[in-house]
PDB file of N, CA and C in Angstrom:
ATOM      1  N   MET A   1      23.805   4.839  -8.315  1.00  0.00           N
ATOM      2  CA  MET A   1      23.286   6.176  -7.903  1.00  0.00           C
ATOM      3  C   MET A   1      21.784   5.974  -7.550  1.00  0.00           C
ATOM      4  N   ILE A   2      21.443   6.572  -6.484  1.00  0.00           N
ATOM      5  CA  ILE A   2      20.043   6.557  -5.998  1.00  0.00           C
ATOM      6  C   ILE A   2      19.190   7.562  -6.740  1.00  0.00           C
ATOM      7  N   ASP A   3      17.942   7.085  -7.135  1.00  0.00           N
ATOM      8  CA  ASP A   3      16.985   8.006  -7.787  1.00  0.00           C
ATOM      9  C   ASP A   3      16.447   8.835  -6.706  1.00  0.00           C
ATOM     10  N   LYS A   4      16.714  10.165  -6.647  1.00  0.00           N
ATOM     11  CA  LYS A   4      16.259  11.070  -5.557  1.00  0.00           C
ATOM     12  C   LYS A   4      14.755  11.096  -5.486  1.00  0.00           C
ATOM     13  N   SER A   5      14.063  10.831  -6.509  1.00  0.00           N
ATOM     14  CA  SER A   5      12.635  10.899  -6.496  1.00  0.00           C
ATOM     15  C   SER A   5      11.978   9.793  -5.573  1.00  0.00           C
ATOM     16  N   THR A   6      12.819   8.772  -5.234  1.00  0.00           N
ATOM     17  CA  THR A   6      12.339   7.703  -4.349  1.00  0.00           C
ATOM     18  C   THR A   6      12.452   8.052  -2.905  1.00  0.00           C
ATOM     19  N   ILE A   7      13.076   9.251  -2.588  1.00  0.00           N
ATOM     20  CA  ILE A   7      13.205   9.695  -1.183  1.00  0.00           C
ATOM     21  C   ILE A   7      12.043  10.617  -0.911  1.00  0.00           C
ATOM     22  N   THR A   8      11.187  10.222   0.053  1.00  0.00           N
ATOM     23  CA  THR A   8       9.979  10.947   0.335  1.00  0.00           C
ATOM     24  C   THR A   8       9.996  11.638   1.722  1.00  0.00           C
ATOM     25  N   GLU A   9       9.282  12.720   1.795  1.00  0.00           N
ATOM     26  CA  GLU A   9       9.178  13.407   3.062  1.00  0.00           C
ATOM     27  C   GLU A   9       8.591  12.466   4.140  1.00  0.00           C
ATOM     28  N   GLN A  10       9.098  12.620   5.336  1.00  0.00           N
ATOM     29  CA  GLN A  10       8.721  11.830   6.479  1.00  0.00           C
ATOM     30  C   GLN A  10       9.169  10.322   6.481  1.00  0.00           C
ATOM     31  N   ALA A  11       9.979   9.967   5.520  1.00  0.00           N
ATOM     32  CA  ALA A  11      10.552   8.596   5.459  1.00  0.00           C
ATOM     33  C   ALA A  11      11.531   8.507   6.598  1.00  0.00           C
ATOM     34  N   GLU A  12      11.528   7.356   7.215  1.00  0.00           N
ATOM     35  CA  GLU A  12      12.594   7.098   8.188  1.00  0.00           C
ATOM     36  C   GLU A  12      13.947   6.836   7.609  1.00  0.00           C
ATOM     37  N   ILE A  13      15.000   7.367   8.185  1.00  0.00           N
ATOM     38  CA  ILE A  13      16.376   7.105   7.733  1.00  0.00           C
ATOM     39  C   ILE A  13      17.011   6.246   8.749  1.00  0.00           C
ATOM     40  N   VAL A  14      17.539   5.090   8.282  1.00  0.00           N
ATOM     41  CA  VAL A  14      18.209   4.144   9.127  1.00  0.00           C
ATOM     42  C   VAL A  14      19.675   3.855   8.587  1.00  0.00           C
ATOM     43  N   GLY A  15      20.478   3.448   9.552  1.00  0.00           N
ATOM     44  CA  GLY A  15      21.797   3.029   9.139  1.00  0.00           C
ATOM     45  C   GLY A  15      21.730   1.647   8.492  1.00  0.00           C
ATOM     46  N   SER A  16      22.855   1.187   8.007  1.00  0.00           N
ATOM     47  CA  SER A  16      22.917  -0.195   7.394  1.00  0.00           C
ATOM     48  C   SER A  16      22.613  -1.219   8.509  1.00  0.00           C
ATOM     49  N   CYS A  17      22.792  -0.885   9.750  1.00  0.00           N
ATOM     50  CA  CYS A  17      22.497  -1.798  10.872  1.00  0.00           C
ATOM     51  C   CYS A  17      20.995  -1.853  11.160  1.00  0.00           C
ATOM     52  N   GLY A  18      20.162  -0.943  10.606  1.00  0.00           N
ATOM     53  CA  GLY A  18      18.745  -0.888  10.820  1.00  0.00           C
ATOM     54  C   GLY A  18      18.333   0.042  11.969  1.00  0.00           C
ATOM     55  N   ASN A  19      19.209   0.679  12.589  1.00  0.00           N
ATOM     56  CA  ASN A  19      18.960   1.600  13.713  1.00  0.00           C
ATOM     57  C   ASN A  19      18.542   2.979  13.164  1.00  0.00           C
ATOM     58  N   HIS A  20      17.634   3.621  13.848  1.00  0.00           N
ATOM     59  CA  HIS A  20      17.078   4.888  13.358  1.00  0.00           C
ATOM     60  C   HIS A  20      18.184   5.984  13.447  1.00  0.00           C
ATOM     61  N   LEU A  21      18.194   6.770  12.349  1.00  0.00           N
ATOM     62  CA  LEU A  21      19.137   7.905  12.282  1.00  0.00           C
ATOM     63  C   LEU A  21      18.406   9.256  12.251  1.00  0.00           C
ATOM     64  N   GLY A  22      17.199   9.241  11.578  1.00  0.00           N
ATOM     65  CA  GLY A  22      16.420  10.482  11.529  1.00  0.00           C
ATOM     66  C   GLY A  22      15.244  10.284  10.614  1.00  0.00           C
ATOM     67  N   THR A  23      14.605  11.478  10.271  1.00  0.00           N
ATOM     68  CA  THR A  23      13.458  11.444   9.480  1.00  0.00           C
ATOM     69  C   THR A  23      13.648  12.477   8.337  1.00  0.00           C
ATOM     70  N   VAL A  24      13.202  12.157   7.155  1.00  0.00           N
ATOM     71  CA  VAL A  24      13.404  13.107   6.007  1.00  0.00           C
ATOM     72  C   VAL A  24      12.450  14.311   6.199  1.00  0.00           C
ATOM     73  N   ASP A  25      12.964  15.490   6.147  1.00  0.00           N
ATOM     74  CA  ASP A  25      12.177  16.714   6.145  1.00  0.00           C
ATOM     75  C   ASP A  25      11.839  16.921   4.628  1.00  0.00           C
ATOM     76  N   HIS A  26      12.938  17.139   3.798  1.00  0.00           N
ATOM     77  CA  HIS A  26      12.808  17.296   2.389  1.00  0.00           C
ATOM     78  C   HIS A  26      14.180  17.183   1.795  1.00  0.00           C
ATOM     79  N   LEU A  27      14.293  17.231   0.401  1.00  0.00           N
ATOM     80  CA  LEU A  27      15.522  17.241  -0.258  1.00  0.00           C
ATOM     81  C   LEU A  27      16.005  18.643  -0.540  1.00  0.00           C
ATOM     82  N   GLU A  28      17.266  18.924  -0.470  1.00  0.00           N
ATOM     83  CA  GLU A  28      17.893  20.182  -0.929  1.00  0.00           C
ATOM     84  C   GLU A  28      19.134  19.803  -1.818  1.00  0.00           C
ATOM     85  N   GLY A  29      18.894  19.871  -3.066  1.00  0.00           N
ATOM     86  CA  GLY A  29      19.971  19.504  -3.959  1.00  0.00           C
ATOM     87  C   GLY A  29      20.368  18.038  -3.798  1.00  0.00           C
ATOM     88  N   ASP A  30      21.711  17.893  -3.421  1.00  0.00           N
ATOM     89  CA  ASP A  30      22.183  16.498  -3.263  1.00  0.00           C
ATOM     90  C   ASP A  30      22.225  16.125  -1.808  1.00  0.00           C
ATOM     91  N   PHE A  31      21.396  16.733  -0.993  1.00  0.00           N
ATOM     92  CA  PHE A  31      21.330  16.424   0.377  1.00  0.00           C
ATOM     93  C   PHE A  31      19.867  16.164   0.870  1.00  0.00           C
ATOM     94  N   ILE A  32      19.840  15.318   1.927  1.00  0.00           N
ATOM     95  CA  ILE A  32      18.571  15.101   2.576  1.00  0.00           C
ATOM     96  C   ILE A  32      18.560  15.988   3.816  1.00  0.00           C
ATOM     97  N   LYS A  33      17.562  16.812   4.030  1.00  0.00           N
ATOM     98  CA  LYS A  33      17.419  17.622   5.183  1.00  0.00           C
ATOM     99  C   LYS A  33      16.580  16.790   6.125  1.00  0.00           C
ATOM    100  N   LEU A  34      17.104  16.573   7.323  1.00  0.00           N
ATOM    101  CA  LEU A  34      16.403  15.845   8.362  1.00  0.00           C
ATOM    102  C   LEU A  34      15.560  16.746   9.195  1.00  0.00           C
ATOM    103  N   THR A  35      14.515  16.165   9.775  1.00  0.00           N
ATOM    104  CA  THR A  35      13.711  16.949  10.676  1.00  0.00           C
ATOM    105  C   THR A  35      14.506  17.333  11.965  1.00  0.00           C
ATOM    106  N   ARG A  36      14.089  18.374  12.686  1.00  0.00           N
ATOM    107  CA  ARG A  36      14.750  18.789  13.898  1.00  0.00           C
ATOM    108  C   ARG A  36      14.459  17.851  15.029  1.00  0.00           C
ATOM    109  N   ASN A  37      13.424  17.086  14.999  1.00  0.00           N
ATOM    110  CA  ASN A  37      13.075  16.226  16.101  1.00  0.00           C
ATOM    111  C   ASN A  37      14.100  15.173  16.494  1.00  0.00           C
ATOM    112  N   ASP A  38      14.909  14.776  15.585  1.00  0.00           N
ATOM    113  CA  ASP A  38      15.948  13.798  15.901  1.00  0.00           C
ATOM    114  C   ASP A  38      17.364  14.376  16.159  1.00  0.00           C
ATOM    115  N   SER A  39      17.416  15.674  16.168  1.00  0.00           N
ATOM    116  CA  SER A  39      18.681  16.412  16.361  1.00  0.00           C
ATOM    117  C   SER A  39      18.905  16.716  17.788  1.00  0.00           C
ATOM    118  N   THR A  40      20.129  16.470  18.252  1.00  0.00           N
ATOM    119  CA  THR A  40      20.405  16.741  19.688  1.00  0.00           C
ATOM    120  C   THR A  40      20.446  18.263  19.981  1.00  0.00           C
ATOM    121  N   ASP A  41      20.734  19.061  18.892  1.00  0.00           N
ATOM    122  CA  ASP A  41      20.795  20.527  19.197  1.00  0.00           C
ATOM    123  C   ASP A  41      19.507  21.224  18.647  1.00  0.00           C
ATOM    124  N   GLY A  42      18.493  20.527  18.232  1.00  0.00           N
ATOM    125  CA  GLY A  42      17.310  21.119  17.799  1.00  0.00           C
ATOM    126  C   GLY A  42      17.360  21.799  16.414  1.00  0.00           C
ATOM    127  N   GLN A  43      18.438  21.544  15.738  1.00  0.00           N
ATOM    128  CA  GLN A  43      18.706  22.170  14.383  1.00  0.00           C
ATOM    129  C   GLN A  43      18.561  21.067  13.335  1.00  0.00           C
ATOM    130  N   HIS A  44      18.220  21.521  12.115  1.00  0.00           N
ATOM    131  CA  HIS A  44      18.193  20.587  10.991  1.00  0.00           C
ATOM    132  C   HIS A  44      19.582  20.133  10.651  1.00  0.00           C
ATOM    133  N   LYS A  45      19.735  18.898  10.212  1.00  0.00           N
ATOM    134  CA  LYS A  45      21.040  18.388   9.773  1.00  0.00           C
ATOM    135  C   LYS A  45      20.834  17.910   8.384  1.00  0.00           C
ATOM    136  N   TYR A  46      21.859  17.778   7.634  1.00  0.00           N
ATOM    137  CA  TYR A  46      21.877  17.350   6.240  1.00  0.00           C
ATOM    138  C   TYR A  46      22.764  16.138   6.022  1.00  0.00           C
ATOM    139  N   LEU A  47      22.207  15.175   5.310  1.00  0.00           N
ATOM    140  CA  LEU A  47      22.916  13.943   4.915  1.00  0.00           C
ATOM    141  C   LEU A  47      23.168  13.938   3.467  1.00  0.00           C
ATOM    142  N   PRO A  48      24.348  13.748   2.963  1.00  0.00           N
ATOM    143  CA  PRO A  48      24.625  13.684   1.548  1.00  0.00           C
ATOM    144  C   PRO A  48      23.913  12.475   0.962  1.00  0.00           C
ATOM    145  N   ILE A  49      23.287  12.685  -0.197  1.00  0.00           N
ATOM    146  CA  ILE A  49      22.610  11.556  -0.823  1.00  0.00           C
ATOM    147  C   ILE A  49      23.587  10.446  -1.227  1.00  0.00           C
ATOM    148  N   SER A  50      24.891  10.824  -1.376  1.00  0.00           N
ATOM    149  CA  SER A  50      25.890   9.789  -1.693  1.00  0.00           C
ATOM    150  C   SER A  50      26.038   8.773  -0.568  1.00  0.00           C
ATOM    151  N   ALA A  51      25.495   9.062   0.547  1.00  0.00           N
ATOM    152  CA  ALA A  51      25.605   8.136   1.695  1.00  0.00           C
ATOM    153  C   ALA A  51      24.426   7.182   1.742  1.00  0.00           C
ATOM    154  N   VAL A  52      23.462   7.260   0.820  1.00  0.00           N
ATOM    155  CA  VAL A  52      22.274   6.373   0.741  1.00  0.00           C
ATOM    156  C   VAL A  52      22.530   5.161  -0.033  1.00  0.00           C
ATOM    157  N   ALA A  53      22.306   4.028   0.567  1.00  0.00           N
ATOM    158  CA  ALA A  53      22.480   2.718  -0.144  1.00  0.00           C
ATOM    159  C   ALA A  53      21.198   2.300  -0.832  1.00  0.00           C
ATOM    160  N   SER A  54      20.065   2.555  -0.252  1.00  0.00           N
ATOM    161  CA  SER A  54      18.803   2.060  -0.885  1.00  0.00           C
ATOM    162  C   SER A  54      17.640   2.805  -0.257  1.00  0.00           C
ATOM    163  N   THR A  55      16.500   2.779  -1.002  1.00  0.00           N
ATOM    164  CA  THR A  55      15.261   3.357  -0.575  1.00  0.00           C
ATOM    165  C   THR A  55      14.150   2.332  -0.773  1.00  0.00           C
ATOM    166  N   GLU A  56      13.146   2.475   0.048  1.00  0.00           N
ATOM    167  CA  GLU A  56      11.883   1.683  -0.194  1.00  0.00           C
ATOM    168  C   GLU A  56      10.835   2.632   0.382  1.00  0.00           C
ATOM    169  N   PRO A  57       9.573   2.342   0.089  1.00  0.00           N
ATOM    170  CA  PRO A  57       8.509   3.252   0.629  1.00  0.00           C
ATOM    171  C   PRO A  57       8.656   3.501   2.133  1.00  0.00           C
ATOM    172  N   GLY A  58       8.860   4.740   2.492  1.00  0.00           N
ATOM    173  CA  GLY A  58       8.819   5.143   3.911  1.00  0.00           C
ATOM    174  C   GLY A  58      10.151   4.861   4.627  1.00  0.00           C
ATOM    175  N   ARG A  59      11.236   4.524   3.849  1.00  0.00           N
ATOM    176  CA  ARG A  59      12.478   4.103   4.467  1.00  0.00           C
ATOM    177  C   ARG A  59      13.693   4.382   3.527  1.00  0.00           C
ATOM    178  N   VAL A  60      14.710   5.012   4.196  1.00  0.00           N
ATOM    179  CA  VAL A  60      16.002   5.254   3.480  1.00  0.00           C
ATOM    180  C   VAL A  60      17.061   4.604   4.307  1.00  0.00           C
ATOM    181  N   THR A  61      17.923   3.818   3.662  1.00  0.00           N
ATOM    182  CA  THR A  61      19.030   3.171   4.323  1.00  0.00           C
ATOM    183  C   THR A  61      20.334   3.649   3.893  1.00  0.00           C
ATOM    184  N   THR A  62      21.228   3.940   4.816  1.00  0.00           N
ATOM    185  CA  THR A  62      22.577   4.474   4.490  1.00  0.00           C
ATOM    186  C   THR A  62      23.527   3.295   4.289  1.00  0.00           C
ATOM    187  N   VAL A  63      24.620   3.645   3.667  1.00  0.00           N
ATOM    188  CA  VAL A  63      25.668   2.638   3.382  1.00  0.00           C
ATOM    189  C   VAL A  63      26.486   2.232   4.583  1.00  0.00           C
ATOM    190  N   VAL A  64      26.332   2.989   5.666  1.00  0.00           N
ATOM    191  CA  VAL A  64      27.121   2.708   6.880  1.00  0.00           C
ATOM    192  C   VAL A  64      26.166   2.621   8.048  1.00  0.00           C
ATOM    193  N   ASN A  65      26.611   2.098   9.198  1.00  0.00           N
ATOM    194  CA  ASN A  65      25.743   2.002  10.336  1.00  0.00           C
ATOM    195  C   ASN A  65      25.326   3.354  10.874  1.00  0.00           C
ATOM    196  N   HIS A  66      24.360   3.429  11.702  1.00  0.00           N
ATOM    197  CA  HIS A  66      23.744   4.718  12.147  1.00  0.00           C
ATOM    198  C   HIS A  66      24.864   5.620  12.916  1.00  0.00           C
ATOM    199  N   LYS A  67      25.765   4.949  13.626  1.00  0.00           N
ATOM    200  CA  LYS A  67      26.775   5.735  14.383  1.00  0.00           C
ATOM    201  C   LYS A  67      27.653   6.395  13.349  1.00  0.00           C
ATOM    202  N   ALA A  68      28.148   5.668  12.325  1.00  0.00           N
ATOM    203  CA  ALA A  68      29.014   6.265  11.316  1.00  0.00           C
ATOM    204  C   ALA A  68      28.269   7.315  10.499  1.00  0.00           C
ATOM    205  N   ALA A  69      26.970   7.057  10.232  1.00  0.00           N
ATOM    206  CA  ALA A  69      26.198   7.972   9.424  1.00  0.00           C
ATOM    207  C   ALA A  69      25.994   9.338  10.250  1.00  0.00           C
ATOM    208  N   GLN A  70      25.971   9.279  11.539  1.00  0.00           N
ATOM    209  CA  GLN A  70      25.871  10.464  12.345  1.00  0.00           C
ATOM    210  C   GLN A  70      27.024  11.404  12.103  1.00  0.00           C
ATOM    211  N   SER A  71      28.211  10.822  11.891  1.00  0.00           N
ATOM    212  CA  SER A  71      29.412  11.634  11.651  1.00  0.00           C
ATOM    213  C   SER A  71      29.344  12.283  10.301  1.00  0.00           C
ATOM    214  N   LEU A  72      28.438  11.860   9.408  1.00  0.00           N
ATOM    215  CA  LEU A  72      28.369  12.438   8.025  1.00  0.00           C
ATOM    216  C   LEU A  72      27.373  13.597   7.992  1.00  0.00           C
ATOM    217  N   LEU A  73      26.621  13.765   9.066  1.00  0.00           N
ATOM    218  CA  LEU A  73      25.645  14.787   9.058  1.00  0.00           C
ATOM    219  C   LEU A  73      26.274  16.153   9.132  1.00  0.00           C
ATOM    220  N   GLN A  74      25.742  17.160   8.322  1.00  0.00           N
ATOM    221  CA  GLN A  74      26.276  18.466   8.299  1.00  0.00           C
ATOM    222  C   GLN A  74      25.268  19.431   8.768  1.00  0.00           C
ATOM    223  N   ASP A  75      25.732  20.610   9.242  1.00  0.00           N
ATOM    224  CA  ASP A  75      24.851  21.658   9.695  1.00  0.00           C
ATOM    225  C   ASP A  75      24.193  22.427   8.577  1.00  0.00           C
ATOM    226  N   ALA A  76      24.835  22.444   7.408  1.00  0.00           N
ATOM    227  CA  ALA A  76      24.309  23.075   6.234  1.00  0.00           C
ATOM    228  C   ALA A  76      24.734  22.316   4.966  1.00  0.00           C
ATOM    229  N   PRO A  77      23.881  22.273   3.938  1.00  0.00           N
ATOM    230  CA  PRO A  77      24.261  21.515   2.719  1.00  0.00           C
ATOM    231  C   PRO A  77      25.483  22.287   2.053  1.00  0.00           C
ATOM    232  N   GLU A  78      26.602  21.583   1.965  1.00  0.00           N
ATOM    233  CA  GLU A  78      27.784  22.195   1.304  1.00  0.00           C
ATOM    234  C   GLU A  78      28.166  21.368   0.123  1.00  0.00           C
ATOM    235  N   PRO A  79      27.809  21.759  -1.000  1.00  0.00           N
ATOM    236  CA  PRO A  79      28.066  20.987  -2.252  1.00  0.00           C
ATOM    237  C   PRO A  79      29.651  20.787  -2.343  1.00  0.00           C
ATOM    238  N   GLY A  80      29.945  19.603  -2.809  1.00  0.00           N
ATOM    239  CA  GLY A  80      31.337  19.182  -2.959  1.00  0.00           C
ATOM    240  C   GLY A  80      32.069  18.733  -1.724  1.00  0.00           C
ATOM    241  N   ILE A  81      31.304  18.770  -0.581  1.00  0.00           N
ATOM    242  CA  ILE A  81      31.888  18.347   0.705  1.00  0.00           C
ATOM    243  C   ILE A  81      31.094  17.148   1.105  1.00  0.00           C
ATOM    244  N   GLY A  82      31.783  16.153   1.595  1.00  0.00           N
ATOM    245  CA  GLY A  82      31.146  14.942   2.123  1.00  0.00           C
ATOM    246  C   GLY A  82      31.636  13.747   1.362  1.00  0.00           C
ATOM    247  N   PRO A  83      31.320  12.574   1.800  1.00  0.00           N
ATOM    248  CA  PRO A  83      31.771  11.331   1.199  1.00  0.00           C
ATOM    249  C   PRO A  83      31.188  11.130  -0.120  1.00  0.00           C
ATOM    250  N   ASN A  84      31.900  10.349  -0.942  1.00  0.00           N
ATOM    251  CA  ASN A  84      31.354   9.988  -2.221  1.00  0.00           C
ATOM    252  C   ASN A  84      31.423   8.444  -2.225  1.00  0.00           C
ATOM    253  N   PHE A  85      30.391   7.834  -1.595  1.00  0.00           N
ATOM    254  CA  PHE A  85      30.329   6.399  -1.557  1.00  0.00           C
ATOM    255  C   PHE A  85      29.943   5.778  -2.829  1.00  0.00           C
ATOM    256  N   GLN A  86      30.596   4.682  -3.128  1.00  0.00           N
ATOM    257  CA  GLN A  86      30.255   3.912  -4.367  1.00  0.00           C
ATOM    258  C   GLN A  86      30.179   2.467  -3.987  1.00  0.00           C
ATOM    259  N   ALA A  87      29.225   1.776  -4.596  1.00  0.00           N
ATOM    260  CA  ALA A  87      29.137   0.381  -4.277  1.00  0.00           C
ATOM    261  C   ALA A  87      30.377  -0.416  -4.730  1.00  0.00           C
ATOM    262  N   GLN A  88      30.745  -1.336  -3.842  1.00  0.00           N
ATOM    263  CA  GLN A  88      31.903  -2.204  -4.177  1.00  0.00           C
ATOM    264  C   GLN A  88      31.446  -3.376  -5.039  1.00  0.00           C
ATOM    265  N   SER A  89      32.290  -3.730  -5.998  1.00  0.00           N
ATOM    266  CA  SER A  89      31.842  -4.827  -6.843  1.00  0.00           C
ATOM    267  C   SER A  89      32.722  -6.021  -6.549  1.00  0.00           C
TER     268      SER A  89
END
């Protein structure tokens, strides 16, 4: 499980492939709210924190590539909806 405190505003969000997905606006519960700048419809999108593989200063990496991660984006944070990714051992 990712420590949410390591996800900072304005951090870049990238897929596991390293391609840009978005930018962190802020956290809302168990979701990352992305800035509008990266949205095709000009609206905020939300990424479940369960889709985050790792964080480092200024960067959040998802467990899937950026194209797959785009399909995980939601228009509103909906608790209990979304993938529940777990590391494979």
